[in-house]
PDB file of N, CA and C in Angstrom:
ATOM      1  N   MET A   1       0.846  -1.174   0.000  1.00  0.00           N
ATOM      2  CA  MET A   1       0.000   0.000   0.000  1.00  0.00           C
ATOM      3  C   MET A   1       0.891   1.237   0.000  1.00  0.00           C
ATOM      4  N   GLN A   2       0.525   2.228  -0.736  1.00  0.00           N
ATOM      5  CA  GLN A   2       1.317   3.444  -0.792  1.00  0.00           C
ATOM      6  C   GLN A   2       0.970   4.372   0.360  1.00  0.00           C
ATOM      7  N   SER A   3       1.923   5.228   0.710  1.00  0.00           N
ATOM      8  CA  SER A   3       1.721   6.158   1.810  1.00  0.00           C
ATOM      9  C   SER A   3       0.598   7.128   1.461  1.00  0.00           C
ATOM     10  N   ASN A   4      -0.154   7.513   2.469  1.00  0.00           N
ATOM     11  CA  ASN A   4      -1.302   8.391   2.259  1.00  0.00           C
ATOM     12  C   ASN A   4      -1.174   9.600   3.170  1.00  0.00           C
ATOM     13  N   GLU A   5      -0.242  10.466   2.882  1.00  0.00           N
ATOM     14  CA  GLU A   5       0.000  11.608   3.738  1.00  0.00           C
ATOM     15  C   GLU A   5      -1.027  12.714   3.544  1.00  0.00           C
ATOM     16  N   ASN A   6      -1.851  12.646   2.504  1.00  0.00           N
ATOM     17  CA  ASN A   6      -2.866  13.669   2.269  1.00  0.00           C
ATOM     18  C   ASN A   6      -4.141  13.413   3.062  1.00  0.00           C
ATOM     19  N   ALA A   7      -4.307  12.210   3.564  1.00  0.00           N
ATOM     20  CA  ALA A   7      -5.516  11.895   4.314  1.00  0.00           C
ATOM     21  C   ALA A   7      -5.437  12.538   5.688  1.00  0.00           C
ATOM     22  N   ASP A   8      -6.528  13.149   6.130  1.00  0.00           N
ATOM     23  CA  ASP A   8      -6.549  13.779   7.442  1.00  0.00           C
ATOM     24  C   ASP A   8      -6.725  12.753   8.552  1.00  0.00           C
ATOM     25  N   SER A   9      -7.598  11.796   8.348  1.00  0.00           N
ATOM     26  CA  SER A   9      -7.952  10.874   9.420  1.00  0.00           C
ATOM     27  C   SER A   9      -7.985   9.441   8.930  1.00  0.00           C
ATOM     28  N   VAL A  10      -7.419   8.577   9.756  1.00  0.00           N
ATOM     29  CA  VAL A  10      -7.437   7.140   9.484  1.00  0.00           C
ATOM     30  C   VAL A  10      -8.034   6.458  10.714  1.00  0.00           C
ATOM     31  N   TYR A  11      -8.871   5.482  10.479  1.00  0.00           N
ATOM     32  CA  TYR A  11      -9.524   4.729  11.541  1.00  0.00           C
ATOM     33  C   TYR A  11      -9.064   3.290  11.411  1.00  0.00           C
ATOM     34  N   LEU A  12      -8.542   2.727  12.506  1.00  0.00           N
ATOM     35  CA  LEU A  12      -8.022   1.369  12.461  1.00  0.00           C
ATOM     36  C   LEU A  12      -9.030   0.388  13.042  1.00  0.00           C
ATOM     37  N   ALA A  13      -9.040  -0.796  12.462  1.00  0.00           N
ATOM     38  CA  ALA A  13      -9.844  -1.898  12.977  1.00  0.00           C
ATOM     39  C   ALA A  13      -8.928  -3.091  13.184  1.00  0.00           C
ATOM     40  N   VAL A  14      -9.079  -3.728  14.341  1.00  0.00           N
ATOM     41  CA  VAL A  14      -8.394  -4.981  14.620  1.00  0.00           C
ATOM     42  C   VAL A  14      -9.476  -6.048  14.587  1.00  0.00           C
ATOM     43  N   ASP A  15      -9.346  -6.979  13.673  1.00  0.00           N
ATOM     44  CA  ASP A  15     -10.338  -8.041  13.486  1.00  0.00           C
ATOM     45  C   ASP A  15      -9.701  -9.364  13.872  1.00  0.00           C
ATOM     46  N   LEU A  16     -10.216  -9.989  14.935  1.00  0.00           N
ATOM     47  CA  LEU A  16      -9.725 -11.295  15.369  1.00  0.00           C
ATOM     48  C   LEU A  16     -10.766 -12.340  15.004  1.00  0.00           C
ATOM     49  N   GLY A  17     -10.446 -13.124  14.004  1.00  0.00           N
ATOM     50  CA  GLY A  17     -11.340 -14.186  13.573  1.00  0.00           C
ATOM     51  C   GLY A  17     -10.941 -15.520  14.165  1.00  0.00           C
ATOM     52  N   ALA A  18     -11.648 -16.558  13.782  1.00  0.00           N
ATOM     53  CA  ALA A  18     -11.417 -17.886  14.341  1.00  0.00           C
ATOM     54  C   ALA A  18     -10.098 -18.504  13.899  1.00  0.00           C
ATOM     55  N   SER A  19      -9.526 -18.043  12.786  1.00  0.00           N
ATOM     56  CA  SER A  19      -8.261 -18.629  12.328  1.00  0.00           C
ATOM     57  C   SER A  19      -7.231 -17.587  11.902  1.00  0.00           C
ATOM     58  N   SER A  20      -7.632 -16.329  11.809  1.00  0.00           N
ATOM     59  CA  SER A  20      -6.672 -15.292  11.438  1.00  0.00           C
ATOM     60  C   SER A  20      -7.089 -13.959  12.042  1.00  0.00           C
ATOM     61  N   GLY A  21      -6.144 -13.051  12.041  1.00  0.00           N
ATOM     62  CA  GLY A  21      -6.413 -11.699  12.521  1.00  0.00           C
ATOM     63  C   GLY A  21      -5.826 -10.711  11.546  1.00  0.00           C
ATOM     64  N   ARG A  22      -6.250  -9.475  11.658  1.00  0.00           N
ATOM     65  CA  ARG A  22      -5.707  -8.438  10.784  1.00  0.00           C
ATOM     66  C   ARG A  22      -5.943  -7.069  11.395  1.00  0.00           C
ATOM     67  N   VAL A  23      -5.073  -6.154  10.998  1.00  0.00           N
ATOM     68  CA  VAL A  23      -5.222  -4.748  11.343  1.00  0.00           C
ATOM     69  C   VAL A  23      -5.518  -4.038  10.031  1.00  0.00           C
ATOM     70  N   ILE A  24      -6.612  -3.298   9.998  1.00  0.00           N
ATOM     71  CA  ILE A  24      -7.107  -2.674   8.779  1.00  0.00           C
ATOM     72  C   ILE A  24      -7.185  -1.168   8.981  1.00  0.00           C
ATOM     73  N   ALA A  25      -6.741  -0.423   7.981  1.00  0.00           N
ATOM     74  CA  ALA A  25      -6.869   1.037   8.001  1.00  0.00           C
ATOM     75  C   ALA A  25      -8.049   1.427   7.126  1.00  0.00           C
ATOM     76  N   GLY A  26      -8.939   2.246   7.662  1.00  0.00           N
ATOM     77  CA  GLY A  26     -10.059   2.773   6.906  1.00  0.00           C
ATOM     78  C   GLY A  26      -9.913   4.275   6.773  1.00  0.00           C
ATOM     79  N   LEU A  27     -10.106   4.777   5.553  1.00  0.00           N
ATOM     80  CA  LEU A  27     -10.030   6.225   5.339  1.00  0.00           C
ATOM     81  C   LEU A  27     -11.021   6.626   4.265  1.00  0.00           C
ATOM     82  N   LEU A  28     -11.436   7.884   4.335  1.00  0.00           N
ATOM     83  CA  LEU A  28     -12.324   8.425   3.317  1.00  0.00           C
ATOM     84  C   LEU A  28     -11.471   9.114   2.261  1.00  0.00           C
ATOM     85  N   ARG A  29     -11.680   8.711   1.027  1.00  0.00           N
ATOM     86  CA  ARG A  29     -10.969   9.336  -0.091  1.00  0.00           C
ATOM     87  C   ARG A  29     -11.993   9.668  -1.164  1.00  0.00           C
ATOM     88  N   GLU A  30     -12.126  10.957  -1.454  1.00  0.00           N
ATOM     89  CA  GLU A  30     -13.087  11.436  -2.453  1.00  0.00           C
ATOM     90  C   GLU A  30     -14.492  10.902  -2.186  1.00  0.00           C
ATOM     91  N   GLY A  31     -14.876  10.912  -0.922  1.00  0.00           N
ATOM     92  CA  GLY A  31     -16.221  10.511  -0.528  1.00  0.00           C
ATOM     93  C   GLY A  31     -16.454   9.015  -0.484  1.00  0.00           C
ATOM     94  N   LYS A  32     -15.417   8.219  -0.680  1.00  0.00           N
ATOM     95  CA  LYS A  32     -15.566   6.767  -0.653  1.00  0.00           C
ATOM     96  C   LYS A  32     -14.688   6.178   0.444  1.00  0.00           C
ATOM     97  N   LEU A  33     -15.220   5.158   1.096  1.00  0.00           N
ATOM     98  CA  LEU A  33     -14.482   4.467   2.133  1.00  0.00           C
ATOM     99  C   LEU A  33     -13.471   3.526   1.494  1.00  0.00           C
ATOM    100  N   GLU A  34     -12.232   3.654   1.900  1.00  0.00           N
ATOM    101  CA  GLU A  34     -11.169   2.786   1.403  1.00  0.00           C
ATOM    102  C   GLU A  34     -10.631   1.987   2.578  1.00  0.00           C
ATOM    103  N   LEU A  35     -10.567   0.678   2.426  1.00  0.00           N
ATOM    104  CA  LEU A  35     -10.051  -0.204   3.466  1.00  0.00           C
ATOM    105  C   LEU A  35      -8.770  -0.853   2.972  1.00  0.00           C
ATOM    106  N   ASN A  36      -7.734  -0.808   3.797  1.00  0.00           N
ATOM    107  CA  ASN A  36      -6.455  -1.400   3.435  1.00  0.00           C
ATOM    108  C   ASN A  36      -5.952  -2.269   4.583  1.00  0.00           C
ATOM    109  N   VAL A  37      -5.662  -3.516   4.279  1.00  0.00           N
ATOM    110  CA  VAL A  37      -5.112  -4.409   5.287  1.00  0.00           C
ATOM    111  C   VAL A  37      -3.651  -4.036   5.502  1.00  0.00           C
ATOM    112  N   ILE A  38      -3.336  -3.666   6.726  1.00  0.00           N
ATOM    113  CA  ILE A  38      -1.984  -3.273   7.089  1.00  0.00           C
ATOM    114  C   ILE A  38      -1.166  -4.482   7.514  1.00  0.00           C
ATOM    115  N   HIS A  39      -1.779  -5.368   8.295  1.00  0.00           N
ATOM    116  CA  HIS A  39      -1.067  -6.522   8.849  1.00  0.00           C
ATOM    117  C   HIS A  39      -2.044  -7.681   8.990  1.00  0.00           C
ATOM    118  N   ARG A  40      -1.632  -8.838   8.532  1.00  0.00           N
ATOM    119  CA  ARG A  40      -2.442 -10.057   8.647  1.00  0.00           C
ATOM    120  C   ARG A  40      -1.615 -11.085   9.406  1.00  0.00           C
ATOM    121  N   PHE A  41      -2.268 -11.844  10.283  1.00  0.00           N
ATOM    122  CA  PHE A  41      -1.541 -12.823  11.080  1.00  0.00           C
ATOM    123  C   PHE A  41      -2.435 -14.018  11.408  1.00  0.00           C
ATOM    124  N   GLU A  42      -1.785 -15.120  11.749  1.00  0.00           N
ATOM    125  CA  GLU A  42      -2.489 -16.348  12.090  1.00  0.00           C
ATOM    126  C   GLU A  42      -3.058 -16.248  13.499  1.00  0.00           C
ATOM    127  N   ASN A  43      -4.206 -16.837  13.699  1.00  0.00           N
ATOM    128  CA  ASN A  43      -4.829 -16.932  15.011  1.00  0.00           C
ATOM    129  C   ASN A  43      -5.260 -18.377  15.205  1.00  0.00           C
ATOM    130  N   SER A  44      -4.418 -19.127  15.849  1.00  0.00           N
ATOM    131  CA  SER A  44      -4.702 -20.543  16.068  1.00  0.00           C
ATOM    132  C   SER A  44      -4.785 -20.826  17.554  1.00  0.00           C
ATOM    133  N   PRO A  45      -5.865 -21.457  17.990  1.00  0.00           N
ATOM    134  CA  PRO A  45      -5.928 -21.839  19.397  1.00  0.00           C
ATOM    135  C   PRO A  45      -4.874 -22.910  19.681  1.00  0.00           C
ATOM    136  N   VAL A  46      -4.466 -22.994  20.934  1.00  0.00           N
ATOM    137  CA  VAL A  46      -3.465 -23.979  21.341  1.00  0.00           C
ATOM    138  C   VAL A  46      -4.099 -24.945  22.344  1.00  0.00           C
ATOM    139  N   ARG A  47      -3.678 -26.198  22.263  1.00  0.00           N
ATOM    140  CA  ARG A  47      -4.180 -27.199  23.194  1.00  0.00           C
ATOM    141  C   ARG A  47      -3.262 -27.226  24.413  1.00  0.00           C
ATOM    142  N   VAL A  48      -3.852 -27.002  25.582  1.00  0.00           N
ATOM    143  CA  VAL A  48      -3.129 -27.079  26.842  1.00  0.00           C
ATOM    144  C   VAL A  48      -3.865 -28.104  27.696  1.00  0.00           C
ATOM    145  N   HIS A  49      -3.204 -29.197  27.986  1.00  0.00           N
ATOM    146  CA  HIS A  49      -3.822 -30.332  28.676  1.00  0.00           C
ATOM    147  C   HIS A  49      -5.070 -30.734  27.889  1.00  0.00           C
ATOM    148  N   GLN A  50      -6.221 -30.635  28.480  1.00  0.00           N
ATOM    149  CA  GLN A  50      -7.450 -31.040  27.796  1.00  0.00           C
ATOM    150  C   GLN A  50      -8.283 -29.857  27.317  1.00  0.00           C
ATOM    151  N   SER A  51      -7.712 -28.653  27.311  1.00  0.00           N
ATOM    152  CA  SER A  51      -8.503 -27.500  26.887  1.00  0.00           C
ATOM    153  C   SER A  51      -7.906 -26.845  25.650  1.00  0.00           C
ATOM    154  N   LEU A  52      -8.756 -26.180  24.894  1.00  0.00           N
ATOM    155  CA  LEU A  52      -8.367 -25.433  23.704  1.00  0.00           C
ATOM    156  C   LEU A  52      -8.439 -23.951  24.060  1.00  0.00           C
ATOM    157  N   GLN A  53      -7.286 -23.260  24.006  1.00  0.00           N
ATOM    158  CA  GLN A  53      -7.203 -21.885  24.484  1.00  0.00           C
ATOM    159  C   GLN A  53      -6.693 -20.958  23.388  1.00  0.00           C
ATOM    160  N   TRP A  54      -7.101 -19.701  23.467  1.00  0.00           N
ATOM    161  CA  TRP A  54      -6.561 -18.682  22.571  1.00  0.00           C
ATOM    162  C   TRP A  54      -5.183 -18.267  23.069  1.00  0.00           C
ATOM    163  N   ASP A  55      -4.278 -18.017  22.159  1.00  0.00           N
ATOM    164  CA  ASP A  55      -2.933 -17.549  22.483  1.00  0.00           C
ATOM    165  C   ASP A  55      -2.992 -16.029  22.634  1.00  0.00           C
ATOM    166  N   VAL A  56      -3.483 -15.578  23.772  1.00  0.00           N
ATOM    167  CA  VAL A  56      -3.735 -14.152  23.999  1.00  0.00           C
ATOM    168  C   VAL A  56      -2.451 -13.330  23.890  1.00  0.00           C
ATOM    169  N   LEU A  57      -1.357 -13.816  24.452  1.00  0.00           N
ATOM    170  CA  LEU A  57      -0.106 -13.064  24.386  1.00  0.00           C
ATOM    171  C   LEU A  57       0.432 -12.996  22.955  1.00  0.00           C
ATOM    172  N   GLY A  58       0.292 -14.076  22.197  1.00  0.00           N
ATOM    173  CA  GLY A  58       0.698 -14.048  20.791  1.00  0.00           C
ATOM    174  C   GLY A  58      -0.155 -13.084  19.985  1.00  0.00           C
ATOM    175  N   LEU A  59      -1.449 -13.061  20.271  1.00  0.00           N
ATOM    176  CA  LEU A  59      -2.341 -12.127  19.583  1.00  0.00           C
ATOM    177  C   LEU A  59      -1.982 -10.689  19.925  1.00  0.00           C
ATOM    178  N   TRP A  60      -1.690 -10.419  21.185  1.00  0.00           N
ATOM    179  CA  TRP A  60      -1.320  -9.071  21.609  1.00  0.00           C
ATOM    180  C   TRP A  60      -0.055  -8.624  20.876  1.00  0.00           C
ATOM    181  N   LYS A  61       0.912  -9.522  20.750  1.00  0.00           N
ATOM    182  CA  LYS A  61       2.156  -9.215  20.031  1.00  0.00           C
ATOM    183  C   LYS A  61       1.866  -8.846  18.579  1.00  0.00           C
ATOM    184  N   GLU A  62       1.011  -9.607  17.915  1.00  0.00           N
ATOM    185  CA  GLU A  62       0.667  -9.336  16.511  1.00  0.00           C
ATOM    186  C   GLU A  62      -0.134  -8.042  16.365  1.00  0.00           C
ATOM    187  N   ILE A  63      -1.054  -7.790  17.294  1.00  0.00           N
ATOM    188  CA  ILE A  63      -1.821  -6.540  17.255  1.00  0.00           C
ATOM    189  C   ILE A  63      -0.886  -5.349  17.398  1.00  0.00           C
ATOM    190  N   GLN A  64       0.053  -5.426  18.348  1.00  0.00           N
ATOM    191  CA  GLN A  64       1.010  -4.337  18.526  1.00  0.00           C
ATOM    192  C   GLN A  64       1.846  -4.125  17.267  1.00  0.00           C
ATOM    193  N   GLN A  65       2.261  -5.219  16.626  1.00  0.00           N
ATOM    194  CA  GLN A  65       3.029  -5.105  15.381  1.00  0.00           C
ATOM    195  C   GLN A  65       2.207  -4.383  14.321  1.00  0.00           C
ATOM    196  N   GLY A  66       0.938  -4.754  14.177  1.00  0.00           N
ATOM    197  CA  GLY A  66       0.067  -4.106  13.206  1.00  0.00           C
ATOM    198  C   GLY A  66      -0.151  -2.635  13.504  1.00  0.00           C
ATOM    199  N   LEU A  67      -0.290  -2.291  14.778  1.00  0.00           N
ATOM    200  CA  LEU A  67      -0.470  -0.885  15.152  1.00  0.00           C
ATOM    201  C   LEU A  67       0.788  -0.075  14.855  1.00  0.00           C
ATOM    202  N   ARG A  68       1.964  -0.669  15.103  1.00  0.00           N
ATOM    203  CA  ARG A  68       3.218   0.016  14.764  1.00  0.00           C
ATOM    204  C   ARG A  68       3.313   0.248  13.258  1.00  0.00           C
ATOM    205  N   MET A  69       2.970  -0.763  12.483  1.00  0.00           N
ATOM    206  CA  MET A  69       3.020  -0.635  11.025  1.00  0.00           C
ATOM    207  C   MET A  69       2.052   0.442  10.552  1.00  0.00           C
ATOM    208  N   ALA A  70       0.858   0.467  11.135  1.00  0.00           N
ATOM    209  CA  ALA A  70      -0.147   1.458  10.742  1.00  0.00           C
ATOM    210  C   ALA A  70       0.304   2.864  11.094  1.00  0.00           C
ATOM    211  N   SER A  71       0.882   3.036  12.277  1.00  0.00           N
ATOM    212  CA  SER A  71       1.293   4.380  12.677  1.00  0.00           C
ATOM    213  C   SER A  71       2.479   4.874  11.855  1.00  0.00           C
ATOM    214  N   ALA A  72       3.303   3.967  11.366  1.00  0.00           N
ATOM    215  CA  ALA A  72       4.413   4.367  10.501  1.00  0.00           C
ATOM    216  C   ALA A  72       3.904   4.844   9.145  1.00  0.00           C
ATOM    217  N   GLU A  73       2.790   4.293   8.719  1.00  0.00           N
ATOM    218  CA  GLU A  73       2.237   4.628   7.406  1.00  0.00           C
ATOM    219  C   GLU A  73       1.224   5.769   7.452  1.00  0.00           C
ATOM    220  N   HIS A  74       0.534   5.896   8.569  1.00  0.00           N
ATOM    221  CA  HIS A  74      -0.543   6.891   8.703  1.00  0.00           C
ATOM    222  C   HIS A  74      -0.317   7.731   9.947  1.00  0.00           C
ATOM    223  N   PRO A  75       0.079   8.977   9.799  1.00  0.00           N
ATOM    224  CA  PRO A  75       0.389   9.812  10.967  1.00  0.00           C
ATOM    225  C   PRO A  75      -0.836  10.324  11.733  1.00  0.00           C
ATOM    226  N   HIS A  76      -2.029  10.221  11.149  1.00  0.00           N
ATOM    227  CA  HIS A  76      -3.216  10.795  11.789  1.00  0.00           C
ATOM    228  C   HIS A  76      -4.262   9.719  12.074  1.00  0.00           C
ATOM    229  N   ILE A  77      -3.965   8.851  13.012  1.00  0.00           N
ATOM    230  CA  ILE A  77      -4.913   7.797  13.390  1.00  0.00           C
ATOM    231  C   ILE A  77      -5.876   8.369  14.421  1.00  0.00           C
ATOM    232  N   GLU A  78      -7.167   8.302  14.105  1.00  0.00           N
ATOM    233  CA  GLU A  78      -8.203   8.857  14.977  1.00  0.00           C
ATOM    234  C   GLU A  78      -8.661   7.887  16.052  1.00  0.00           C
ATOM    235  N   SER A  79      -8.758   6.597  15.683  1.00  0.00           N
ATOM    236  CA  SER A  79      -9.285   5.637  16.650  1.00  0.00           C
ATOM    237  C   SER A  79      -8.880   4.226  16.247  1.00  0.00           C
ATOM    238  N   VAL A  80      -9.042   3.333  17.220  1.00  0.00           N
ATOM    239  CA  VAL A  80      -8.800   1.902  16.990  1.00  0.00           C
ATOM    240  C   VAL A  80      -9.988   1.158  17.574  1.00  0.00           C
ATOM    241  N   GLY A  81     -10.603   0.333  16.760  1.00  0.00           N
ATOM    242  CA  GLY A  81     -11.700  -0.515  17.223  1.00  0.00           C
ATOM    243  C   GLY A  81     -11.275  -1.963  17.126  1.00  0.00           C
ATOM    244  N   VAL A  82     -11.817  -2.810  18.010  1.00  0.00           N
ATOM    245  CA  VAL A  82     -11.462  -4.223  18.025  1.00  0.00           C
ATOM    246  C   VAL A  82     -12.720  -5.063  17.905  1.00  0.00           C
ATOM    247  N   ASP A  83     -12.684  -6.011  16.980  1.00  0.00           N
ATOM    248  CA  ASP A  83     -13.780  -6.952  16.773  1.00  0.00           C
ATOM    249  C   ASP A  83     -13.233  -8.342  17.061  1.00  0.00           C
ATOM    250  N   THR A  84     -13.844  -9.045  18.027  1.00  0.00           N
ATOM    251  CA  THR A  84     -13.362 -10.370  18.397  1.00  0.00           C
ATOM    252  C   THR A  84     -14.489 -11.376  18.311  1.00  0.00           C
ATOM    253  N   TRP A  85     -14.240 -12.521  18.849  1.00  0.00           N
ATOM    254  CA  TRP A  85     -15.199 -13.614  18.833  1.00  0.00           C
ATOM    255  C   TRP A  85     -16.433 -13.221  19.636  1.00  0.00           C
ATOM    256  N   GLY A  86     -17.563 -13.680  19.212  1.00  0.00           N
ATOM    257  CA  GLY A  86     -18.799 -13.305  19.883  1.00  0.00           C
ATOM    258  C   GLY A  86     -19.156 -14.169  21.067  1.00  0.00           C
ATOM    259  N   VAL A  87     -18.459 -15.274  21.288  1.00  0.00           N
ATOM    260  CA  VAL A  87     -18.869 -16.191  22.349  1.00  0.00           C
ATOM    261  C   VAL A  87     -17.773 -16.469  23.365  1.00  0.00           C
ATOM    262  N   ASP A  88     -16.569 -16.002  23.142  1.00  0.00           N
ATOM    263  CA  ASP A  88     -15.470 -16.262  24.059  1.00  0.00           C
ATOM    264  C   ASP A  88     -15.259 -15.070  24.979  1.00  0.00           C
ATOM    265  N   TYR A  89     -14.592 -15.311  26.080  1.00  0.00           N
ATOM    266  CA  TYR A  89     -14.423 -14.254  27.067  1.00  0.00           C
ATOM    267  C   TYR A  89     -13.204 -14.562  27.929  1.00  0.00           C
ATOM    268  N   VAL A  90     -12.774 -13.550  28.667  1.00  0.00           N
ATOM    269  CA  VAL A  90     -11.705 -13.679  29.643  1.00  0.00           C
ATOM    270  C   VAL A  90     -12.228 -13.100  30.944  1.00  0.00           C
ATOM    271  N   LEU A  91     -12.012 -13.796  32.034  1.00  0.00           N
ATOM    272  CA  LEU A  91     -12.425 -13.293  33.342  1.00  0.00           C
ATOM    273  C   LEU A  91     -11.309 -12.442  33.927  1.00  0.00           C
ATOM    274  N   VAL A  92     -11.689 -11.281  34.477  1.00  0.00           N
ATOM    275  CA  VAL A  92     -10.729 -10.395  35.127  1.00  0.00           C
ATOM    276  C   VAL A  92     -11.210 -10.103  36.544  1.00  0.00           C
ATOM    277  N   ASP A  93     -10.250  -9.752  37.405  1.00  0.00           N
ATOM    278  CA  ASP A  93     -10.608  -9.424  38.784  1.00  0.00           C
ATOM    279  C   ASP A  93     -10.835  -7.919  38.937  1.00  0.00           C
ATOM    280  N   GLY A  94     -11.004  -7.458  40.169  1.00  0.00           N
ATOM    281  CA  GLY A  94     -11.268  -6.047  40.438  1.00  0.00           C
ATOM    282  C   GLY A  94     -10.142  -5.118  40.040  1.00  0.00           C
ATOM    283  N   SER A  95      -8.946  -5.662  39.830  1.00  0.00           N
ATOM    284  CA  SER A  95      -7.794  -4.862  39.391  1.00  0.00           C
ATOM    285  C   SER A  95      -7.529  -5.023  37.901  1.00  0.00           C
ATOM    286  N   ASP A  96      -8.503  -5.558  37.181  1.00  0.00           N
ATOM    287  CA  ASP A  96      -8.404  -5.799  35.735  1.00  0.00           C
ATOM    288  C   ASP A  96      -7.287  -6.771  35.365  1.00  0.00           C
ATOM    289  N   GLN A  97      -6.968  -7.695  36.258  1.00  0.00           N
ATOM    290  CA  GLN A  97      -5.984  -8.732  35.971  1.00  0.00           C
ATOM    291  C   GLN A  97      -6.708  -9.992  35.525  1.00  0.00           C
ATOM    292  N   VAL A  98      -6.180 -10.631  34.500  1.00  0.00           N
ATOM    293  CA  VAL A  98      -6.781 -11.860  33.985  1.00  0.00           C
ATOM    294  C   VAL A  98      -6.717 -12.941  35.059  1.00  0.00           C
ATOM    295  N   THR A  99      -7.851 -13.572  35.327  1.00  0.00           N
ATOM    296  CA  THR A  99      -7.906 -14.595  36.373  1.00  0.00           C
ATOM    297  C   THR A  99      -7.963 -16.014  35.816  1.00  0.00           C
ATOM    298  N   TRP A 100      -8.192 -16.154  34.534  1.00  0.00           N
ATOM    299  CA  TRP A 100      -8.289 -17.481  33.942  1.00  0.00           C
ATOM    300  C   TRP A 100      -7.930 -17.375  32.472  1.00  0.00           C
ATOM    301  N   VAL A 101      -7.670 -18.474  31.852  1.00  0.00           N
ATOM    302  CA  VAL A 101      -7.275 -18.491  30.441  1.00  0.00           C
ATOM    303  C   VAL A 101      -8.461 -18.157  29.543  1.00  0.00           C
ATOM    304  N   ALA A 102      -8.156 -17.753  28.318  1.00  0.00           N
ATOM    305  CA  ALA A 102      -9.196 -17.478  27.326  1.00  0.00           C
ATOM    306  C   ALA A 102      -9.416 -18.749  26.518  1.00  0.00           C
ATOM    307  N   ARG A 103     -10.447 -19.459  26.856  1.00  0.00           N
ATOM    308  CA  ARG A 103     -10.721 -20.702  26.153  1.00  0.00           C
ATOM    309  C   ARG A 103     -11.435 -20.430  24.838  1.00  0.00           C
ATOM    310  N   CYS A 104     -11.096 -21.235  23.862  1.00  0.00           N
ATOM    311  CA  CYS A 104     -11.672 -21.125  22.522  1.00  0.00           C
ATOM    312  C   CYS A 104     -13.093 -21.687  22.508  1.00  0.00           C
ATOM    313  N   TYR A 105     -13.935 -21.118  21.685  1.00  0.00           N
ATOM    314  CA  TYR A 105     -15.313 -21.601  21.587  1.00  0.00           C
ATOM    315  C   TYR A 105     -15.382 -23.029  21.049  1.00  0.00           C
ATOM    316  N   ARG A 106     -14.301 -23.530  20.494  1.00  0.00           N
ATOM    317  CA  ARG A 106     -14.257 -24.909  20.009  1.00  0.00           C
ATOM    318  C   ARG A 106     -13.844 -25.894  21.104  1.00  0.00           C
ATOM    319  N   ASP A 107     -13.590 -25.391  22.301  1.00  0.00           N
ATOM    320  CA  ASP A 107     -13.177 -26.223  23.417  1.00  0.00           C
ATOM    321  C   ASP A 107     -14.288 -27.210  23.763  1.00  0.00           C
ATOM    322  N   GLN A 108     -13.890 -28.388  24.225  1.00  0.00           N
ATOM    323  CA  GLN A 108     -14.865 -29.433  24.532  1.00  0.00           C
ATOM    324  C   GLN A 108     -15.824 -29.068  25.664  1.00  0.00           C
ATOM    325  N   ARG A 109     -15.487 -28.061  26.472  1.00  0.00           N
ATOM    326  CA  ARG A 109     -16.335 -27.697  27.608  1.00  0.00           C
ATOM    327  C   ARG A 109     -17.715 -27.216  27.179  1.00  0.00           C
ATOM    328  N   ILE A 110     -17.856 -26.782  25.936  1.00  0.00           N
ATOM    329  CA  ILE A 110     -19.158 -26.243  25.520  1.00  0.00           C
ATOM    330  C   ILE A 110     -20.083 -27.291  24.906  1.00  0.00           C
ATOM    331  N   GLN A 111     -19.579 -28.490  24.707  1.00  0.00           N
ATOM    332  CA  GLN A 111     -20.431 -29.521  24.107  1.00  0.00           C
ATOM    333  C   GLN A 111     -21.663 -29.747  24.974  1.00  0.00           C
ATOM    334  N   GLY A 112     -22.812 -29.671  24.354  1.00  0.00           N
ATOM    335  CA  GLY A 112     -24.067 -29.884  25.047  1.00  0.00           C
ATOM    336  C   GLY A 112     -24.626 -28.653  25.753  1.00  0.00           C
ATOM    337  N   MET A 113     -23.925 -27.546  25.728  1.00  0.00           N
ATOM    338  CA  MET A 113     -24.380 -26.352  26.451  1.00  0.00           C
ATOM    339  C   MET A 113     -25.622 -25.721  25.828  1.00  0.00           C
ATOM    340  N   THR A 114     -25.738 -25.781  24.523  1.00  0.00           N
ATOM    341  CA  THR A 114     -26.929 -25.208  23.882  1.00  0.00           C
ATOM    342  C   THR A 114     -28.178 -25.931  24.371  1.00  0.00           C
ATOM    343  N   GLU A 115     -28.115 -27.250  24.406  1.00  0.00           N
ATOM    344  CA  GLU A 115     -29.258 -28.029  24.874  1.00  0.00           C
ATOM    345  C   GLU A 115     -29.561 -27.722  26.340  1.00  0.00           C
ATOM    346  N   ARG A 116     -28.523 -27.585  27.155  1.00  0.00           N
ATOM    347  CA  ARG A 116     -28.730 -27.254  28.569  1.00  0.00           C
ATOM    348  C   ARG A 116     -29.367 -25.880  28.726  1.00  0.00           C
ATOM    349  N   ALA A 117     -28.951 -24.931  27.902  1.00  0.00           N
ATOM    350  CA  ALA A 117     -29.528 -23.584  27.968  1.00  0.00           C
ATOM    351  C   ALA A 117     -31.010 -23.617  27.613  1.00  0.00           C
ATOM    352  N   PHE A 118     -31.368 -24.430  26.617  1.00  0.00           N
ATOM    353  CA  PHE A 118     -32.770 -24.508  26.215  1.00  0.00           C
ATOM    354  C   PHE A 118     -33.638 -25.235  27.236  1.00  0.00           C
ATOM    355  N   GLU A 119     -33.031 -25.928  28.190  1.00  0.00           N
ATOM    356  CA  GLU A 119     -33.798 -26.494  29.291  1.00  0.00           C
ATOM    357  C   GLU A 119     -34.243 -25.394  30.268  1.00  0.00           C
ATOM    358  N   ILE A 120     -33.478 -24.295  30.278  1.00  0.00           N
ATOM    359  CA  ILE A 120     -33.779 -23.182  31.171  1.00  0.00           C
ATOM    360  C   ILE A 120     -34.616 -22.116  30.457  1.00  0.00           C
ATOM    361  N   VAL A 121     -34.204 -21.782  29.235  1.00  0.00           N
ATOM    362  CA  VAL A 121     -34.896 -20.775  28.425  1.00  0.00           C
ATOM    363  C   VAL A 121     -35.292 -21.454  27.118  1.00  0.00           C
ATOM    364  N   THR A 122     -36.547 -21.320  26.726  1.00  0.00           N
ATOM    365  CA  THR A 122     -36.971 -21.995  25.506  1.00  0.00           C
ATOM    366  C   THR A 122     -36.295 -21.391  24.286  1.00  0.00           C
ATOM    367  N   ARG A 123     -36.182 -22.183  23.262  1.00  0.00           N
ATOM    368  CA  ARG A 123     -35.559 -21.737  22.012  1.00  0.00           C
ATOM    369  C   ARG A 123     -36.303 -20.524  21.427  1.00  0.00           C
ATOM    370  N   GLU A 124     -37.614 -20.506  21.595  1.00  0.00           N
ATOM    371  CA  GLU A 124     -38.411 -19.389  21.076  1.00  0.00           C
ATOM    372  C   GLU A 124     -38.095 -18.133  21.819  1.00  0.00           C
TER     373      GLU A 124
END
């Protein structure tokens, strides 16, 4: 991608998908939204004992790399938004410290959970 020093504002998106991640720059050029992938990286869960977990530290490293690349190319970054998995989570304590691992939605712990949920709340 070529340098865009004429653009006033760039908006970054970090997209973490089930198998890959990317940092994307969005800018308005002549009234049209232009999206450019700045950095793409692998996102593979890792098996630890009997659980499938997200490599949170590896993802953080890749996100930081993408942000560095974006800031080198675009001097006027207005914001950064992050889009992640819709069903996974990390537990934090009152000091915002991670208290447990980030398990992948493909982990065996969720097998049968949909059926159990529908025993409590109907599908309708």
